[in-house]
Amino acid sequence: MTDGNGSSGSSHAAGWTFLTNHAHVLFCIVQDPEVRLRDVAARVGITERAVQRIVTDLEDEGYLLVTKEGRRNRYQVRCDLPLRHPIERHRPVQALIDLVVEPHAASASPALPVAARYGEVHRAAG
C-alpha cells in the first residue's frame, strides 16, 4: 500500500522524505545509466508508470537525455543544469548528486564528482 505521495508508508516512519520521487529516480539513473524503469520503481517504491512520468518530466526539462540502444534505453544526466526551486536554483544538479549518491568503492579519483565516476553522465559545454 502507498501513502498519498506514492511511496510505501512502511519504509518511512512519518510517511514522507526530504527529497522528491523525481530526485530518487534521478539518483537511480546516475548510479546505473542503463537501469530498467521497473527496477527504479521497485527501488524508489512507486509504480513503473509513475517512474515513466518522472523520466518524461526530466527529459522534457532537459535534465535527462534518453537514447535507445537496441531494446534498452541509456540515460544521460545533465548535471550542469540548476535545481528547479527558487530556494536551491543557485546550485547545479551535480551538488545534489554529490550530497546523496555514494561513490563505488572502486571508483576513479576521489577528486571527481560522483556523477563523473559513473562514466555515462553528460555534462554539456557552455
C-alpha atoms as a PDB file:
ATOM      1  CA  MET A   1       0.000   0.000   0.000  1.00  0.00           C
ATOM      2  CA  THR A   2       1.226   3.515  -0.732  1.00  0.00           C
ATOM      3  CA  ASP A   3       0.686   6.809   1.020  1.00  0.00           C
ATOM      4  CA  GLY A   4      -0.585   9.968  -0.694  1.00  0.00           C
ATOM      5  CA  ASN A   5       2.895  10.628  -2.084  1.00  0.00           C
ATOM      6  CA  GLY A   6       3.041   7.284  -3.888  1.00  0.00           C
ATOM      7  CA  SER A   7       5.639   5.794  -1.557  1.00  0.00           C
ATOM      8  CA  SER A   8       5.439   2.909   0.822  1.00  0.00           C
ATOM      9  CA  GLY A   9       4.486   4.176   4.258  1.00  0.00           C
ATOM     10  CA  SER A  10       6.198   1.270   5.993  1.00  0.00           C
ATOM     11  CA  SER A  11       9.667   2.295   4.795  1.00  0.00           C
ATOM     12  CA  HIS A  12       9.352   5.850   6.160  1.00  0.00           C
ATOM     13  CA  ALA A  13       8.394   6.453   9.802  1.00  0.00           C
ATOM     14  CA  ALA A  14       6.305   9.555   9.115  1.00  0.00           C
ATOM     15  CA  GLY A  15       5.318   8.732   5.515  1.00  0.00           C
ATOM     16  CA  TRP A  16       7.416  11.469   3.928  1.00  0.00           C
ATOM     17  CA  THR A  17      11.006  12.152   2.937  1.00  0.00           C
ATOM     18  CA  PHE A  18      13.044  15.306   2.400  1.00  0.00           C
ATOM     19  CA  LEU A  19      13.582  14.586  -1.291  1.00  0.00           C
ATOM     20  CA  THR A  20      11.015  14.037  -4.027  1.00  0.00           C
ATOM     21  CA  ASN A  21      10.493  10.946  -6.140  1.00  0.00           C
ATOM     22  CA  HIS A  22      11.991  12.946  -9.018  1.00  0.00           C
ATOM     23  CA  ALA A  23      15.262  13.140  -7.094  1.00  0.00           C
ATOM     24  CA  HIS A  24      15.099   9.462  -6.151  1.00  0.00           C
ATOM     25  CA  VAL A  25      14.585   8.432  -9.779  1.00  0.00           C
ATOM     26  CA  LEU A  26      17.460  10.679 -10.857  1.00  0.00           C
ATOM     27  CA  PHE A  27      19.765   9.088  -8.258  1.00  0.00           C
ATOM     28  CA  CYS A  28      18.920   5.603  -9.560  1.00  0.00           C
ATOM     29  CA  ILE A  29      19.706   6.688 -13.120  1.00  0.00           C
ATOM     30  CA  VAL A  30      23.003   8.300 -12.086  1.00  0.00           C
ATOM     31  CA  GLN A  31      24.038   5.043 -10.444  1.00  0.00           C
ATOM     32  CA  ASP A  32      23.081   2.940 -13.474  1.00  0.00           C
ATOM     33  CA  PRO A  33      22.522   4.751 -16.814  1.00  0.00           C
ATOM     34  CA  GLU A  34      21.049   1.571 -18.333  1.00  0.00           C
ATOM     35  CA  VAL A  35      18.683   0.804 -15.446  1.00  0.00           C
ATOM     36  CA  ARG A  36      15.261  -0.603 -16.272  1.00  0.00           C
ATOM     37  CA  LEU A  37      12.358   1.558 -15.166  1.00  0.00           C
ATOM     38  CA  ARG A  38      10.748  -1.392 -13.382  1.00  0.00           C
ATOM     39  CA  ASP A  39      13.898  -1.678 -11.274  1.00  0.00           C
ATOM     40  CA  VAL A  40      13.789   2.040 -10.496  1.00  0.00           C
ATOM     41  CA  ALA A  41      10.132   1.679  -9.479  1.00  0.00           C
ATOM     42  CA  ALA A  42      10.952  -1.160  -7.097  1.00  0.00           C
ATOM     43  CA  ARG A  43      13.862   0.714  -5.561  1.00  0.00           C
ATOM     44  CA  VAL A  44      12.011   4.014  -5.134  1.00  0.00           C
ATOM     45  CA  GLY A  45       8.776   2.338  -4.025  1.00  0.00           C
ATOM     46  CA  ILE A  46       6.466   3.775  -6.685  1.00  0.00           C
ATOM     47  CA  THR A  47       4.762   2.351  -9.757  1.00  0.00           C
ATOM     48  CA  GLU A  48       6.541   1.859 -13.054  1.00  0.00           C
ATOM     49  CA  ARG A  49       4.032   4.263 -14.619  1.00  0.00           C
ATOM     50  CA  ALA A  50       4.990   6.933 -12.060  1.00  0.00           C
ATOM     51  CA  VAL A  51       8.662   6.409 -12.946  1.00  0.00           C
ATOM     52  CA  GLN A  52       7.808   6.789 -16.647  1.00  0.00           C
ATOM     53  CA  ARG A  53       6.077  10.121 -15.912  1.00  0.00           C
ATOM     54  CA  ILE A  54       9.062  11.327 -13.891  1.00  0.00           C
ATOM     55  CA  VAL A  55      11.513  10.330 -16.638  1.00  0.00           C
ATOM     56  CA  THR A  56       9.337  12.196 -19.149  1.00  0.00           C
ATOM     57  CA  ASP A  57       9.330  15.276 -16.884  1.00  0.00           C
ATOM     58  CA  LEU A  58      13.120  15.147 -16.517  1.00  0.00           C
ATOM     59  CA  GLU A  59      13.589  14.628 -20.251  1.00  0.00           C
ATOM     60  CA  ASP A  60      11.144  17.406 -21.216  1.00  0.00           C
ATOM     61  CA  GLU A  61      13.006  19.879 -18.982  1.00  0.00           C
ATOM     62  CA  GLY A  62      16.406  18.836 -20.352  1.00  0.00           C
ATOM     63  CA  TYR A  63      17.731  17.121 -17.222  1.00  0.00           C
ATOM     64  CA  LEU A  64      17.832  13.720 -18.938  1.00  0.00           C
ATOM     65  CA  LEU A  65      18.889  12.703 -22.416  1.00  0.00           C
ATOM     66  CA  VAL A  66      17.483   9.342 -23.466  1.00  0.00           C
ATOM     67  CA  THR A  67      18.944   7.262 -26.273  1.00  0.00           C
ATOM     68  CA  LYS A  68      17.698   3.911 -27.488  1.00  0.00           C
ATOM     69  CA  GLU A  69      20.239   1.088 -27.674  1.00  0.00           C
ATOM     70  CA  GLY A  70      18.523  -1.950 -29.083  1.00  0.00           C
ATOM     71  CA  ARG A  71      15.618  -2.721 -26.787  1.00  0.00           C
ATOM     72  CA  ARG A  72      17.083  -0.766 -23.869  1.00  0.00           C
ATOM     73  CA  ASN A  73      17.345   2.918 -23.054  1.00  0.00           C
ATOM     74  CA  ARG A  74      20.506   4.657 -21.931  1.00  0.00           C
ATOM     75  CA  TYR A  75      20.108   7.757 -19.825  1.00  0.00           C
ATOM     76  CA  GLN A  76      22.471  10.704 -19.529  1.00  0.00           C
ATOM     77  CA  VAL A  77      22.031  13.241 -16.750  1.00  0.00           C
ATOM     78  CA  ARG A  78      22.686  16.946 -17.363  1.00  0.00           C
ATOM     79  CA  CYS A  79      24.490  17.683 -14.099  1.00  0.00           C
ATOM     80  CA  ASP A  80      25.277  21.263 -15.052  1.00  0.00           C
ATOM     81  CA  LEU A  81      21.656  22.436 -15.022  1.00  0.00           C
ATOM     82  CA  PRO A  82      20.350  24.288 -11.962  1.00  0.00           C
ATOM     83  CA  LEU A  83      17.980  22.757  -9.447  1.00  0.00           C
ATOM     84  CA  ARG A  84      14.435  23.950 -10.074  1.00  0.00           C
ATOM     85  CA  HIS A  85      13.081  25.526  -6.890  1.00  0.00           C
ATOM     86  CA  PRO A  86      13.907  29.208  -6.243  1.00  0.00           C
ATOM     87  CA  ILE A  87      15.469  28.295  -2.876  1.00  0.00           C
ATOM     88  CA  GLU A  88      18.035  25.986  -4.475  1.00  0.00           C
ATOM     89  CA  ARG A  89      18.311  27.108  -8.082  1.00  0.00           C
ATOM     90  CA  HIS A  90      21.698  28.708  -7.335  1.00  0.00           C
ATOM     91  CA  ARG A  91      23.097  25.147  -7.151  1.00  0.00           C
ATOM     92  CA  PRO A  92      23.534  22.658 -10.033  1.00  0.00           C
ATOM     93  CA  VAL A  93      22.053  19.164 -10.071  1.00  0.00           C
ATOM     94  CA  GLN A  94      25.596  17.888  -9.522  1.00  0.00           C
ATOM     95  CA  ALA A  95      25.592  19.360  -5.998  1.00  0.00           C
ATOM     96  CA  LEU A  96      22.556  17.267  -5.049  1.00  0.00           C
ATOM     97  CA  ILE A  97      24.034  14.141  -6.614  1.00  0.00           C
ATOM     98  CA  ASP A  98      27.313  14.651  -4.758  1.00  0.00           C
ATOM     99  CA  LEU A  99      25.418  15.112  -1.498  1.00  0.00           C
ATOM    100  CA  VAL A 100      23.374  11.919  -1.752  1.00  0.00           C
ATOM    101  CA  VAL A 101      24.862   9.337  -4.111  1.00  0.00           C
ATOM    102  CA  GLU A 102      27.674   7.315  -2.604  1.00  0.00           C
ATOM    103  CA  PRO A 103      30.609   6.591  -4.893  1.00  0.00           C
ATOM    104  CA  HIS A 104      31.504   2.983  -5.621  1.00  0.00           C
ATOM    105  CA  ALA A 105      34.404   1.661  -3.570  1.00  0.00           C
ATOM    106  CA  ALA A 106      36.378   1.016  -6.767  1.00  0.00           C
ATOM    107  CA  SER A 107      35.656   4.423  -8.273  1.00  0.00           C
ATOM    108  CA  ALA A 108      38.252   6.516 -10.015  1.00  0.00           C
ATOM    109  CA  SER A 109      39.870   9.544  -8.439  1.00  0.00           C
ATOM    110  CA  PRO A 110      38.158  10.762  -5.261  1.00  0.00           C
ATOM    111  CA  ALA A 111      38.564  14.288  -6.616  1.00  0.00           C
ATOM    112  CA  LEU A 112      35.989  13.612  -9.327  1.00  0.00           C
ATOM    113  CA  PRO A 113      32.359  14.441  -8.597  1.00  0.00           C
ATOM    114  CA  VAL A 114      30.251  11.339  -8.002  1.00  0.00           C
ATOM    115  CA  ALA A 115      28.367  11.616 -11.298  1.00  0.00           C
ATOM    116  CA  ALA A 116      31.612  11.748 -13.295  1.00  0.00           C
ATOM    117  CA  ARG A 117      32.712   8.500 -11.646  1.00  0.00           C
ATOM    118  CA  TYR A 118      29.710   6.719 -13.104  1.00  0.00           C
ATOM    119  CA  GLY A 119      31.100   7.370 -16.569  1.00  0.00           C
ATOM    120  CA  GLU A 120      27.950   7.989 -18.559  1.00  0.00           C
ATOM    121  CA  VAL A 121      26.800  11.243 -17.048  1.00  0.00           C
ATOM    122  CA  HIS A 122      26.673  14.005 -19.602  1.00  0.00           C
ATOM    123  CA  ARG A 123      27.960  17.478 -18.926  1.00  0.00           C
ATOM    124  CA  ALA A 124      27.004  19.996 -21.561  1.00  0.00           C
ATOM    125  CA  ALA A 125      29.521  22.564 -22.612  1.00  0.00           C
ATOM    126  CA  GLY A 126      28.809  26.219 -22.126  1.00  0.00           C
END
